[in-house]
Amino acid sequence: MNPTLRRFIVFNRIWIALALIAIGFWVGFAATWWIAWIPFLIAILMIVAGLLVGPMTLIQTYVENGDMEGAQRLMDKVKYPNLLYKPIRSSYYMLRANLSSMGDNLDKAEEDLRKGLAAGMPEKEYEGTAYLQLGSIAYKKGNTKEAYEHIRKSLSIGLPDKDSEATAFLQLSGICMQRRDFRAAKMYFNKAKMCKPKNKDVIGQLNEMNKYMSRIQG
């Protein structure tokens, strides 16, 4: 489908549905009700799609183009997120949490992550990522105990790639360093290295942590 036409349909589902209902009544009264049910059915399907899916099918394009403001405006059009189909709802809350994290609204990000988990993640990797993000938020808030538990859980559930795994192990290593549990810190650091991350930011964190690890005896 043409992207412009697709956007028009998604943004105007209700008005199109109302027009189809009007056409259905016109056909029913002017010709036959045997045909009128077709526009009625299409109208019902469009209304249901508007409630269960909303504009979420368009958001991926904004994210891929790096247009986070556009993605946020699109998400703001979802007035009843609890009516979204469960997998769509979890994706909605995950993306909203990411946007809140980018704006340093950690409380809002945490709330949305928990709502996404409650809705049920479509795949285990997404669930693991959610717990990793919860752990990162707890760490930023200074709650290292909760951070440690969430990050460990993310690894036990599973993460989507080696960069994410390396990030999780580095954060666990940092927490153990704060606790002066240097043996565990080195263990997690070595596991992070074994992941062989490709992301430049993760590699930078790994190199920075290496400076501290080299000073630890044993």
N, C-alpha and C. Protein backbone atom coordinates (compact mmCIF):
# COMPACT_ATOMS: atom_id res chain seq x y z
N MET A 1 0.84 -1.19 0.00
CA MET A 1 0.00 0.00 0.00
C MET A 1 0.88 1.25 0.00
N ASN A 2 0.46 2.25 -0.75
CA ASN A 2 1.17 3.52 -0.79
C ASN A 2 1.26 4.12 0.61
N PRO A 3 2.48 4.55 1.05
CA PRO A 3 2.65 5.07 2.42
C PRO A 3 1.73 6.25 2.74
N THR A 4 1.54 7.14 1.76
CA THR A 4 0.67 8.30 1.98
C THR A 4 -0.77 7.87 2.19
N LEU A 5 -1.23 6.91 1.37
CA LEU A 5 -2.59 6.39 1.51
C LEU A 5 -2.75 5.67 2.84
N ARG A 6 -1.72 4.92 3.21
CA ARG A 6 -1.76 4.19 4.48
C ARG A 6 -1.89 5.15 5.66
N ARG A 7 -1.09 6.23 5.64
CA ARG A 7 -1.17 7.23 6.71
C ARG A 7 -2.55 7.87 6.76
N PHE A 8 -3.09 8.17 5.56
CA PHE A 8 -4.42 8.79 5.51
C PHE A 8 -5.47 7.89 6.15
N ILE A 9 -5.41 6.60 5.81
CA ILE A 9 -6.39 5.64 6.36
C ILE A 9 -6.24 5.52 7.87
N VAL A 10 -4.98 5.39 8.35
CA VAL A 10 -4.74 5.21 9.79
C VAL A 10 -5.22 6.43 10.58
N PHE A 11 -4.94 7.64 10.07
CA PHE A 11 -5.30 8.85 10.80
C PHE A 11 -6.78 9.21 10.69
N ASN A 12 -7.47 8.61 9.72
CA ASN A 12 -8.87 8.98 9.48
C ASN A 12 -9.81 7.78 9.53
N ARG A 13 -9.43 6.76 10.31
CA ARG A 13 -10.25 5.55 10.37
C ARG A 13 -11.69 5.84 10.78
N ILE A 14 -11.86 6.66 11.81
CA ILE A 14 -13.21 6.93 12.33
C ILE A 14 -14.07 7.63 11.29
N TRP A 15 -13.50 8.66 10.63
CA TRP A 15 -14.28 9.40 9.63
C TRP A 15 -14.61 8.52 8.44
N ILE A 16 -13.66 7.69 8.02
CA ILE A 16 -13.91 6.76 6.91
C ILE A 16 -15.00 5.77 7.30
N ALA A 17 -14.94 5.27 8.55
CA ALA A 17 -15.94 4.32 9.03
C ALA A 17 -17.33 4.96 9.04
N LEU A 18 -17.42 6.22 9.49
CA LEU A 18 -18.70 6.91 9.50
C LEU A 18 -19.24 7.10 8.08
N ALA A 19 -18.32 7.41 7.15
CA ALA A 19 -18.74 7.56 5.75
C ALA A 19 -19.24 6.23 5.19
N LEU A 20 -18.58 5.15 5.55
CA LEU A 20 -19.01 3.82 5.09
C LEU A 20 -20.37 3.44 5.66
N ILE A 21 -20.60 3.79 6.92
CA ILE A 21 -21.90 3.51 7.54
C ILE A 21 -23.01 4.29 6.81
N ALA A 22 -22.70 5.56 6.49
CA ALA A 22 -23.67 6.37 5.75
C ALA A 22 -23.95 5.76 4.38
N ILE A 23 -22.89 5.29 3.72
CA ILE A 23 -23.07 4.64 2.41
C ILE A 23 -23.90 3.37 2.55
N GLY A 24 -23.64 2.62 3.64
CA GLY A 24 -24.40 1.40 3.88
C GLY A 24 -25.89 1.67 4.01
N PHE A 25 -26.23 2.71 4.78
CA PHE A 25 -27.65 3.06 4.94
C PHE A 25 -28.25 3.51 3.60
N TRP A 26 -27.47 4.30 2.85
CA TRP A 26 -27.97 4.78 1.56
C TRP A 26 -28.25 3.62 0.61
N VAL A 27 -27.28 2.67 0.55
CA VAL A 27 -27.47 1.50 -0.32
C VAL A 27 -28.65 0.66 0.16
N GLY A 28 -28.78 0.54 1.50
CA GLY A 28 -29.87 -0.27 2.05
C GLY A 28 -31.23 0.28 1.71
N PHE A 29 -31.38 1.59 1.86
CA PHE A 29 -32.69 2.20 1.60
C PHE A 29 -32.95 2.37 0.09
N ALA A 30 -31.87 2.66 -0.66
CA ALA A 30 -32.05 2.95 -2.09
C ALA A 30 -32.08 1.69 -2.94
N ALA A 31 -31.37 0.66 -2.51
CA ALA A 31 -31.29 -0.54 -3.35
C ALA A 31 -31.67 -1.78 -2.56
N THR A 32 -30.70 -2.37 -1.84
CA THR A 32 -30.96 -3.61 -1.11
C THR A 32 -30.04 -3.73 0.10
N TRP A 33 -30.59 -4.29 1.18
CA TRP A 33 -29.79 -4.49 2.39
C TRP A 33 -28.84 -5.67 2.24
N TRP A 34 -29.01 -6.47 1.18
CA TRP A 34 -28.10 -7.59 0.95
C TRP A 34 -26.69 -7.10 0.59
N ILE A 35 -26.60 -5.91 0.05
CA ILE A 35 -25.30 -5.32 -0.29
C ILE A 35 -24.83 -4.35 0.79
N ALA A 36 -25.78 -3.75 1.49
CA ALA A 36 -25.45 -2.73 2.49
C ALA A 36 -24.56 -3.24 3.61
N TRP A 37 -24.61 -4.57 3.89
CA TRP A 37 -23.82 -5.10 4.99
C TRP A 37 -22.32 -5.01 4.73
N ILE A 38 -21.91 -4.91 3.44
CA ILE A 38 -20.47 -4.86 3.11
C ILE A 38 -19.81 -3.59 3.67
N PRO A 39 -20.32 -2.38 3.37
CA PRO A 39 -19.70 -1.19 3.98
C PRO A 39 -19.85 -1.17 5.51
N PHE A 40 -20.95 -1.74 6.03
CA PHE A 40 -21.10 -1.83 7.50
C PHE A 40 -19.96 -2.67 8.11
N LEU A 41 -19.68 -3.81 7.47
CA LEU A 41 -18.64 -4.71 7.98
C LEU A 41 -17.27 -4.04 7.93
N ILE A 42 -16.97 -3.38 6.80
CA ILE A 42 -15.68 -2.70 6.67
C ILE A 42 -15.54 -1.60 7.73
N ALA A 43 -16.64 -0.88 7.97
CA ALA A 43 -16.63 0.19 8.98
C ALA A 43 -16.35 -0.37 10.37
N ILE A 44 -17.00 -1.49 10.69
CA ILE A 44 -16.77 -2.12 12.02
C ILE A 44 -15.32 -2.56 12.16
N LEU A 45 -14.77 -3.16 11.10
CA LEU A 45 -13.38 -3.62 11.13
C LEU A 45 -12.42 -2.45 11.31
N MET A 46 -12.71 -1.33 10.69
CA MET A 46 -11.84 -0.16 10.81
C MET A 46 -11.88 0.42 12.22
N ILE A 47 -13.07 0.44 12.82
CA ILE A 47 -13.20 0.94 14.19
C ILE A 47 -12.46 0.03 15.17
N VAL A 48 -12.63 -1.28 14.97
CA VAL A 48 -11.94 -2.25 15.83
C VAL A 48 -10.43 -2.12 15.68
N ALA A 49 -9.94 -1.96 14.45
CA ALA A 49 -8.50 -1.78 14.21
C ALA A 49 -7.99 -0.51 14.87
N GLY A 50 -8.81 0.53 14.85
CA GLY A 50 -8.42 1.78 15.49
C GLY A 50 -8.24 1.62 16.99
N LEU A 51 -9.08 0.78 17.60
CA LEU A 51 -8.99 0.57 19.05
C LEU A 51 -7.90 -0.42 19.42
N LEU A 52 -7.74 -1.50 18.64
CA LEU A 52 -6.81 -2.57 19.00
C LEU A 52 -5.38 -2.32 18.54
N VAL A 53 -5.23 -1.54 17.47
CA VAL A 53 -3.90 -1.30 16.91
C VAL A 53 -3.51 0.17 16.95
N GLY A 54 -4.48 1.04 16.71
CA GLY A 54 -4.18 2.46 16.72
C GLY A 54 -3.20 2.83 15.61
N PRO A 55 -2.36 3.85 15.83
CA PRO A 55 -1.38 4.25 14.82
C PRO A 55 -0.04 3.55 14.96
N MET A 56 0.01 2.47 15.77
CA MET A 56 1.29 1.82 16.09
C MET A 56 1.99 1.25 14.86
N THR A 57 1.23 0.90 13.82
CA THR A 57 1.85 0.33 12.62
C THR A 57 2.73 1.36 11.89
N LEU A 58 2.54 2.64 12.17
CA LEU A 58 3.32 3.69 11.49
C LEU A 58 4.56 4.09 12.27
N ILE A 59 4.62 3.71 13.55
CA ILE A 59 5.68 4.23 14.43
C ILE A 59 7.06 3.73 14.01
N GLN A 60 7.15 2.48 13.51
CA GLN A 60 8.44 1.90 13.17
C GLN A 60 9.21 2.78 12.19
N THR A 61 8.49 3.39 11.24
CA THR A 61 9.13 4.25 10.25
C THR A 61 9.77 5.46 10.92
N TYR A 62 9.08 6.04 11.90
CA TYR A 62 9.63 7.20 12.63
C TYR A 62 10.88 6.81 13.40
N VAL A 63 10.82 5.65 14.06
CA VAL A 63 11.96 5.19 14.87
C VAL A 63 13.16 4.92 13.98
N GLU A 64 12.95 4.25 12.85
CA GLU A 64 14.05 3.93 11.93
C GLU A 64 14.68 5.19 11.36
N ASN A 65 13.89 6.25 11.20
CA ASN A 65 14.41 7.52 10.68
C ASN A 65 14.97 8.42 11.78
N GLY A 66 14.90 7.95 13.02
CA GLY A 66 15.42 8.74 14.14
C GLY A 66 14.55 9.92 14.52
N ASP A 67 13.31 9.92 14.04
CA ASP A 67 12.38 11.02 14.34
C ASP A 67 11.61 10.67 15.62
N MET A 68 12.26 10.86 16.77
CA MET A 68 11.63 10.52 18.04
C MET A 68 10.49 11.47 18.40
N GLU A 69 10.61 12.72 17.98
CA GLU A 69 9.53 13.68 18.24
C GLU A 69 8.28 13.27 17.46
N GLY A 70 8.48 12.83 16.23
CA GLY A 70 7.35 12.36 15.43
C GLY A 70 6.73 11.11 16.03
N ALA A 71 7.58 10.22 16.54
CA ALA A 71 7.08 9.00 17.19
C ALA A 71 6.27 9.36 18.43
N GLN A 72 6.76 10.35 19.18
CA GLN A 72 6.06 10.78 20.39
C GLN A 72 4.70 11.38 20.06
N ARG A 73 4.66 12.20 19.01
CA ARG A 73 3.38 12.81 18.60
C ARG A 73 2.39 11.73 18.17
N LEU A 74 2.90 10.71 17.49
CA LEU A 74 2.04 9.61 17.05
C LEU A 74 1.50 8.83 18.24
N MET A 75 2.36 8.59 19.23
CA MET A 75 1.94 7.84 20.41
C MET A 75 0.93 8.64 21.24
N ASP A 76 1.05 9.95 21.19
CA ASP A 76 0.09 10.80 21.92
C ASP A 76 -1.33 10.68 21.36
N LYS A 77 -1.44 10.16 20.13
CA LYS A 77 -2.76 9.99 19.53
C LYS A 77 -3.48 8.76 20.09
N VAL A 78 -2.74 7.90 20.80
CA VAL A 78 -3.37 6.72 21.42
C VAL A 78 -4.05 7.17 22.71
N LYS A 79 -5.35 7.28 22.68
CA LYS A 79 -6.10 7.81 23.83
C LYS A 79 -6.45 6.72 24.84
N TYR A 80 -6.58 5.48 24.37
CA TYR A 80 -6.98 4.39 25.26
C TYR A 80 -6.01 3.21 25.12
N PRO A 81 -4.78 3.36 25.66
CA PRO A 81 -3.77 2.29 25.48
C PRO A 81 -4.18 0.95 26.05
N ASN A 82 -5.04 0.94 27.07
CA ASN A 82 -5.47 -0.33 27.67
C ASN A 82 -6.36 -1.15 26.73
N LEU A 83 -6.87 -0.51 25.67
CA LEU A 83 -7.69 -1.23 24.70
C LEU A 83 -6.86 -1.84 23.58
N LEU A 84 -5.58 -1.48 23.51
CA LEU A 84 -4.71 -2.03 22.47
C LEU A 84 -4.56 -3.54 22.66
N TYR A 85 -4.42 -4.24 21.54
CA TYR A 85 -4.16 -5.68 21.56
C TYR A 85 -2.88 -5.92 22.37
N LYS A 86 -2.85 -6.96 23.21
CA LYS A 86 -1.79 -7.13 24.21
C LYS A 86 -0.37 -6.98 23.66
N PRO A 87 0.02 -7.70 22.59
CA PRO A 87 1.39 -7.51 22.07
C PRO A 87 1.66 -6.09 21.62
N ILE A 88 0.65 -5.44 21.02
CA ILE A 88 0.78 -4.05 20.60
C ILE A 88 0.92 -3.15 21.82
N ARG A 89 0.14 -3.45 22.86
CA ARG A 89 0.17 -2.66 24.09
C ARG A 89 1.54 -2.71 24.75
N SER A 90 2.13 -3.91 24.81
CA SER A 90 3.45 -4.05 25.43
C SER A 90 4.50 -3.27 24.64
N SER A 91 4.41 -3.32 23.30
CA SER A 91 5.34 -2.56 22.45
C SER A 91 5.15 -1.06 22.66
N TYR A 92 3.90 -0.65 22.81
CA TYR A 92 3.58 0.76 23.05
C TYR A 92 4.24 1.26 24.33
N TYR A 93 4.09 0.49 25.41
CA TYR A 93 4.66 0.91 26.69
C TYR A 93 6.19 0.85 26.66
N MET A 94 6.76 -0.15 25.95
CA MET A 94 8.21 -0.25 25.85
C MET A 94 8.79 0.97 25.14
N LEU A 95 8.16 1.35 24.03
CA LEU A 95 8.65 2.51 23.28
C LEU A 95 8.46 3.79 24.08
N ARG A 96 7.33 3.91 24.78
CA ARG A 96 7.09 5.10 25.59
C ARG A 96 8.10 5.19 26.72
N ALA A 97 8.48 4.02 27.27
CA ALA A 97 9.49 4.00 28.32
C ALA A 97 10.84 4.47 27.78
N ASN A 98 11.18 4.03 26.56
CA ASN A 98 12.44 4.46 25.95
C ASN A 98 12.47 5.97 25.74
N LEU A 99 11.35 6.51 25.29
CA LEU A 99 11.26 7.96 25.07
C LEU A 99 11.37 8.72 26.39
N SER A 100 10.75 8.17 27.45
CA SER A 100 10.84 8.80 28.77
C SER A 100 12.26 8.75 29.31
N SER A 101 12.96 7.63 29.05
CA SER A 101 14.35 7.50 29.51
C SER A 101 15.24 8.51 28.81
N MET A 102 14.99 8.72 27.51
CA MET A 102 15.78 9.71 26.76
C MET A 102 15.57 11.11 27.33
N GLY A 103 14.40 11.36 27.89
CA GLY A 103 14.11 12.65 28.51
C GLY A 103 14.42 12.68 29.99
N ASP A 104 15.10 11.64 30.49
CA ASP A 104 15.48 11.51 31.91
C ASP A 104 14.28 11.49 32.85
N ASN A 105 13.12 11.10 32.34
CA ASN A 105 11.94 10.93 33.20
C ASN A 105 11.92 9.47 33.65
N LEU A 106 12.77 9.16 34.64
CA LEU A 106 12.98 7.78 35.04
C LEU A 106 11.74 7.16 35.68
N ASP A 107 11.01 7.94 36.46
CA ASP A 107 9.80 7.41 37.11
C ASP A 107 8.76 6.99 36.08
N LYS A 108 8.58 7.83 35.06
CA LYS A 108 7.62 7.52 34.00
C LYS A 108 8.08 6.31 33.20
N ALA A 109 9.39 6.24 32.91
CA ALA A 109 9.94 5.11 32.16
C ALA A 109 9.74 3.81 32.94
N GLU A 110 9.99 3.86 34.23
CA GLU A 110 9.81 2.66 35.06
C GLU A 110 8.35 2.22 35.08
N GLU A 111 7.45 3.19 35.22
CA GLU A 111 6.01 2.88 35.24
C GLU A 111 5.58 2.21 33.93
N ASP A 112 6.05 2.74 32.80
CA ASP A 112 5.67 2.19 31.50
C ASP A 112 6.27 0.80 31.28
N LEU A 113 7.49 0.58 31.74
CA LEU A 113 8.11 -0.73 31.60
C LEU A 113 7.31 -1.78 32.37
N ARG A 114 6.88 -1.43 33.56
CA ARG A 114 6.10 -2.37 34.37
C ARG A 114 4.74 -2.64 33.71
N LYS A 115 4.15 -1.63 33.10
CA LYS A 115 2.89 -1.83 32.39
C LYS A 115 3.10 -2.74 31.18
N GLY A 116 4.23 -2.55 30.48
CA GLY A 116 4.53 -3.39 29.34
C GLY A 116 4.72 -4.84 29.75
N LEU A 117 5.40 -5.07 30.86
CA LEU A 117 5.60 -6.43 31.37
C LEU A 117 4.27 -7.05 31.80
N ALA A 118 3.41 -6.23 32.40
CA ALA A 118 2.10 -6.72 32.83
C ALA A 118 1.24 -7.11 31.63
N ALA A 119 1.42 -6.39 30.51
CA ALA A 119 0.65 -6.70 29.30
C ALA A 119 1.12 -7.99 28.65
N GLY A 120 2.37 -8.38 28.94
CA GLY A 120 2.91 -9.61 28.36
C GLY A 120 3.73 -9.33 27.12
N MET A 121 5.01 -9.68 27.15
CA MET A 121 5.89 -9.44 26.02
C MET A 121 5.70 -10.53 24.95
N PRO A 122 5.74 -10.14 23.66
CA PRO A 122 5.54 -11.13 22.60
C PRO A 122 6.68 -12.15 22.51
N GLU A 123 7.90 -11.76 22.93
CA GLU A 123 9.04 -12.67 22.91
C GLU A 123 9.84 -12.50 24.18
N LYS A 124 10.56 -13.59 24.56
CA LYS A 124 11.34 -13.57 25.79
C LYS A 124 12.43 -12.50 25.76
N GLU A 125 13.02 -12.26 24.57
CA GLU A 125 14.09 -11.27 24.47
C GLU A 125 13.60 -9.88 24.85
N TYR A 126 12.34 -9.58 24.48
CA TYR A 126 11.78 -8.27 24.83
C TYR A 126 11.59 -8.18 26.35
N GLU A 127 11.18 -9.28 26.95
CA GLU A 127 11.01 -9.30 28.41
C GLU A 127 12.36 -9.10 29.08
N GLY A 128 13.39 -9.78 28.58
CA GLY A 128 14.72 -9.61 29.13
C GLY A 128 15.21 -8.18 29.00
N THR A 129 14.94 -7.56 27.85
CA THR A 129 15.33 -6.16 27.63
C THR A 129 14.62 -5.23 28.61
N ALA A 130 13.35 -5.51 28.87
CA ALA A 130 12.58 -4.68 29.81
C ALA A 130 13.19 -4.75 31.20
N TYR A 131 13.58 -5.94 31.63
CA TYR A 131 14.19 -6.07 32.95
C TYR A 131 15.58 -5.42 33.00
N LEU A 132 16.30 -5.48 31.89
CA LEU A 132 17.59 -4.80 31.83
C LEU A 132 17.40 -3.29 31.97
N GLN A 133 16.38 -2.76 31.32
CA GLN A 133 16.10 -1.33 31.43
C GLN A 133 15.65 -0.96 32.84
N LEU A 134 14.84 -1.83 33.45
CA LEU A 134 14.44 -1.58 34.85
C LEU A 134 15.66 -1.56 35.76
N GLY A 135 16.59 -2.47 35.49
CA GLY A 135 17.82 -2.51 36.27
C GLY A 135 18.64 -1.25 36.10
N SER A 136 18.74 -0.78 34.87
CA SER A 136 19.50 0.45 34.59
C SER A 136 18.88 1.65 35.29
N ILE A 137 17.54 1.70 35.29
CA ILE A 137 16.84 2.81 35.96
C ILE A 137 17.08 2.76 37.47
N ALA A 138 16.96 1.54 38.03
CA ALA A 138 17.20 1.39 39.48
C ALA A 138 18.62 1.79 39.83
N TYR A 139 19.57 1.44 38.95
CA TYR A 139 20.98 1.79 39.19
C TYR A 139 21.16 3.31 39.19
N LYS A 140 20.52 3.99 38.23
CA LYS A 140 20.61 5.45 38.16
C LYS A 140 20.00 6.10 39.39
N LYS A 141 18.97 5.44 39.95
CA LYS A 141 18.31 5.97 41.15
C LYS A 141 19.09 5.64 42.42
N GLY A 142 20.14 4.84 42.30
CA GLY A 142 20.94 4.48 43.46
C GLY A 142 20.48 3.25 44.20
N ASN A 143 19.49 2.55 43.64
CA ASN A 143 18.99 1.33 44.28
C ASN A 143 19.72 0.14 43.67
N THR A 144 20.94 -0.11 44.17
CA THR A 144 21.79 -1.15 43.56
C THR A 144 21.25 -2.56 43.80
N LYS A 145 20.57 -2.77 44.91
CA LYS A 145 20.03 -4.10 45.19
C LYS A 145 18.97 -4.47 44.15
N GLU A 146 18.05 -3.57 43.91
CA GLU A 146 17.01 -3.82 42.92
C GLU A 146 17.60 -3.91 41.52
N ALA A 147 18.59 -3.05 41.25
CA ALA A 147 19.25 -3.08 39.95
C ALA A 147 19.90 -4.44 39.70
N TYR A 148 20.59 -4.94 40.70
CA TYR A 148 21.27 -6.23 40.59
C TYR A 148 20.27 -7.35 40.29
N GLU A 149 19.14 -7.34 41.00
CA GLU A 149 18.13 -8.38 40.81
C GLU A 149 17.53 -8.33 39.41
N HIS A 150 17.20 -7.12 38.95
CA HIS A 150 16.59 -6.97 37.63
C HIS A 150 17.56 -7.38 36.51
N ILE A 151 18.81 -6.97 36.64
CA ILE A 151 19.78 -7.28 35.58
C ILE A 151 20.06 -8.78 35.53
N ARG A 152 20.19 -9.39 36.70
CA ARG A 152 20.38 -10.84 36.74
C ARG A 152 19.19 -11.56 36.09
N LYS A 153 18.00 -11.05 36.36
CA LYS A 153 16.79 -11.66 35.79
C LYS A 153 16.78 -11.49 34.27
N SER A 154 17.25 -10.35 33.80
CA SER A 154 17.27 -10.12 32.35
C SER A 154 18.17 -11.15 31.65
N LEU A 155 19.28 -11.48 32.29
CA LEU A 155 20.19 -12.46 31.71
C LEU A 155 19.62 -13.87 31.77
N SER A 156 18.91 -14.18 32.85
CA SER A 156 18.33 -15.52 32.96
C SER A 156 17.19 -15.72 31.96
N ILE A 157 16.45 -14.64 31.66
CA ILE A 157 15.36 -14.71 30.68
C ILE A 157 15.94 -14.78 29.26
N GLY A 158 16.96 -13.96 29.03
CA GLY A 158 17.58 -13.91 27.70
C GLY A 158 17.50 -12.52 27.10
N LEU A 159 18.59 -12.09 26.45
CA LEU A 159 18.66 -10.79 25.81
C LEU A 159 18.85 -10.97 24.31
N PRO A 160 18.47 -9.98 23.51
CA PRO A 160 18.42 -10.18 22.04
C PRO A 160 19.78 -10.25 21.34
N ASP A 161 20.84 -9.68 21.96
CA ASP A 161 22.13 -9.68 21.27
C ASP A 161 23.27 -9.59 22.26
N LYS A 162 24.49 -9.77 21.74
CA LYS A 162 25.69 -9.78 22.59
C LYS A 162 26.00 -8.40 23.18
N ASP A 163 25.64 -7.35 22.47
CA ASP A 163 25.85 -6.00 23.01
C ASP A 163 25.03 -5.81 24.29
N SER A 164 23.78 -6.27 24.26
CA SER A 164 22.92 -6.16 25.44
C SER A 164 23.46 -7.02 26.58
N GLU A 165 23.93 -8.22 26.26
CA GLU A 165 24.51 -9.08 27.29
C GLU A 165 25.74 -8.43 27.91
N ALA A 166 26.60 -7.87 27.07
CA ALA A 166 27.80 -7.21 27.57
C ALA A 166 27.43 -6.04 28.48
N THR A 167 26.42 -5.28 28.08
CA THR A 167 25.95 -4.15 28.91
C THR A 167 25.49 -4.64 30.27
N ALA A 168 24.72 -5.74 30.28
CA ALA A 168 24.22 -6.30 31.54
C ALA A 168 25.38 -6.74 32.44
N PHE A 169 26.36 -7.44 31.86
CA PHE A 169 27.50 -7.92 32.66
C PHE A 169 28.34 -6.75 33.18
N LEU A 170 28.49 -5.71 32.37
CA LEU A 170 29.25 -4.54 32.82
C LEU A 170 28.56 -3.84 33.99
N GLN A 171 27.23 -3.75 33.92
CA GLN A 171 26.50 -3.12 35.01
C GLN A 171 26.59 -3.95 36.28
N LEU A 172 26.52 -5.27 36.14
CA LEU A 172 26.70 -6.15 37.31
C LEU A 172 28.10 -6.00 37.88
N SER A 173 29.08 -5.89 37.00
CA SER A 173 30.47 -5.70 37.45
C SER A 173 30.61 -4.39 38.22
N GLY A 174 29.96 -3.33 37.70
CA GLY A 174 30.03 -2.04 38.38
C GLY A 174 29.38 -2.08 39.76
N ILE A 175 28.27 -2.79 39.87
CA ILE A 175 27.58 -2.92 41.16
C ILE A 175 28.47 -3.67 42.15
N CYS A 176 29.09 -4.74 41.68
CA CYS A 176 29.99 -5.52 42.56
C CYS A 176 31.21 -4.70 42.97
N MET A 177 31.67 -3.84 42.09
CA MET A 177 32.79 -2.94 42.44
C MET A 177 32.38 -2.03 43.59
N GLN A 178 31.15 -1.49 43.51
CA GLN A 178 30.66 -0.62 44.58
C GLN A 178 30.57 -1.37 45.90
N ARG A 179 30.23 -2.64 45.82
CA ARG A 179 30.12 -3.46 47.03
C ARG A 179 31.49 -3.97 47.51
N ARG A 180 32.52 -3.66 46.72
CA ARG A 180 33.89 -4.12 46.99
C ARG A 180 33.98 -5.65 46.93
N ASP A 181 33.11 -6.22 46.13
CA ASP A 181 33.18 -7.65 45.84
C ASP A 181 33.98 -7.79 44.54
N PHE A 182 35.29 -7.65 44.67
CA PHE A 182 36.14 -7.55 43.48
C PHE A 182 36.20 -8.86 42.68
N ARG A 183 36.08 -9.97 43.38
CA ARG A 183 36.11 -11.26 42.69
C ARG A 183 34.93 -11.37 41.73
N ALA A 184 33.72 -11.04 42.21
CA ALA A 184 32.53 -11.08 41.35
C ALA A 184 32.62 -10.02 40.26
N ALA A 185 33.20 -8.85 40.60
CA ALA A 185 33.34 -7.78 39.62
C ALA A 185 34.19 -8.23 38.44
N LYS A 186 35.30 -8.91 38.74
CA LYS A 186 36.17 -9.40 37.67
C LYS A 186 35.48 -10.51 36.86
N MET A 187 34.72 -11.35 37.54
CA MET A 187 34.01 -12.43 36.86
C MET A 187 33.04 -11.86 35.83
N TYR A 188 32.23 -10.88 36.26
CA TYR A 188 31.25 -10.29 35.34
C TYR A 188 31.94 -9.51 34.23
N PHE A 189 33.05 -8.86 34.57
CA PHE A 189 33.79 -8.11 33.56
C PHE A 189 34.32 -9.06 32.48
N ASN A 190 34.85 -10.20 32.89
CA ASN A 190 35.36 -11.18 31.93
C ASN A 190 34.23 -11.73 31.06
N LYS A 191 33.04 -11.90 31.65
CA LYS A 191 31.89 -12.37 30.86
C LYS A 191 31.49 -11.31 29.83
N ALA A 192 31.60 -10.03 30.22
CA ALA A 192 31.30 -8.95 29.29
C ALA A 192 32.28 -8.97 28.11
N LYS A 193 33.57 -9.19 28.39
CA LYS A 193 34.57 -9.27 27.33
C LYS A 193 34.30 -10.45 26.40
N MET A 194 33.87 -11.57 26.98
CA MET A 194 33.60 -12.77 26.19
C MET A 194 32.44 -12.57 25.21
N CYS A 195 31.59 -11.59 25.49
CA CYS A 195 30.47 -11.31 24.58
C CYS A 195 30.96 -10.68 23.26
N LYS A 196 32.18 -10.09 23.29
CA LYS A 196 32.76 -9.44 22.11
C LYS A 196 31.77 -8.45 21.47
N PRO A 197 31.38 -7.43 22.23
CA PRO A 197 30.39 -6.47 21.71
C PRO A 197 30.90 -5.71 20.50
N LYS A 198 29.98 -5.24 19.67
CA LYS A 198 30.30 -4.48 18.47
C LYS A 198 29.95 -3.00 18.62
N ASN A 199 29.02 -2.70 19.53
CA ASN A 199 28.59 -1.32 19.73
C ASN A 199 29.72 -0.47 20.30
N LYS A 200 29.97 0.69 19.71
CA LYS A 200 31.09 1.53 20.11
C LYS A 200 30.97 2.01 21.55
N ASP A 201 29.75 2.35 21.97
CA ASP A 201 29.55 2.82 23.34
C ASP A 201 29.86 1.71 24.34
N VAL A 202 29.43 0.49 24.03
CA VAL A 202 29.69 -0.64 24.93
C VAL A 202 31.18 -0.95 24.97
N ILE A 203 31.84 -0.88 23.82
CA ILE A 203 33.28 -1.10 23.77
C ILE A 203 34.01 -0.05 24.59
N GLY A 204 33.54 1.20 24.51
CA GLY A 204 34.13 2.28 25.31
C GLY A 204 33.99 2.01 26.81
N GLN A 205 32.80 1.55 27.21
CA GLN A 205 32.58 1.22 28.63
C GLN A 205 33.49 0.06 29.06
N LEU A 206 33.66 -0.87 28.16
CA LEU A 206 34.52 -2.03 28.45
C LEU A 206 35.96 -1.60 28.64
N ASN A 207 36.44 -0.72 27.76
CA ASN A 207 37.81 -0.22 27.87
C ASN A 207 38.01 0.60 29.14
N GLU A 208 37.00 1.39 29.49
CA GLU A 208 37.09 2.21 30.70
C GLU A 208 37.12 1.32 31.95
N MET A 209 36.28 0.30 31.96
CA MET A 209 36.24 -0.62 33.09
C MET A 209 37.55 -1.40 33.20
N ASN A 210 38.18 -1.66 32.07
CA ASN A 210 39.43 -2.41 32.06
C ASN A 210 40.53 -1.70 32.86
N LYS A 211 40.49 -0.36 32.84
CA LYS A 211 41.49 0.42 33.58
C LYS A 211 41.39 0.15 35.07
N TYR A 212 40.14 0.00 35.57
CA TYR A 212 39.94 -0.27 36.99
C TYR A 212 40.30 -1.72 37.31
N MET A 213 39.94 -2.62 36.40
CA MET A 213 40.19 -4.03 36.65
C MET A 213 41.67 -4.35 36.75
N SER A 214 42.47 -3.61 35.96
CA SER A 214 43.91 -3.87 35.97
C SER A 214 44.55 -3.52 37.31
N ARG A 215 43.87 -2.71 38.11
CA ARG A 215 44.41 -2.30 39.41
C ARG A 215 44.03 -3.28 40.52
N ILE A 216 43.09 -4.18 40.21
CA ILE A 216 42.62 -5.12 41.24
C ILE A 216 43.58 -6.31 41.31
N GLN A 217 44.03 -6.59 42.48
CA GLN A 217 44.92 -7.73 42.67
C GLN A 217 44.12 -9.03 42.71
N GLY A 218 44.75 -10.12 42.21
CA GLY A 218 44.13 -11.42 42.29
C GLY A 218 43.23 -11.73 41.13
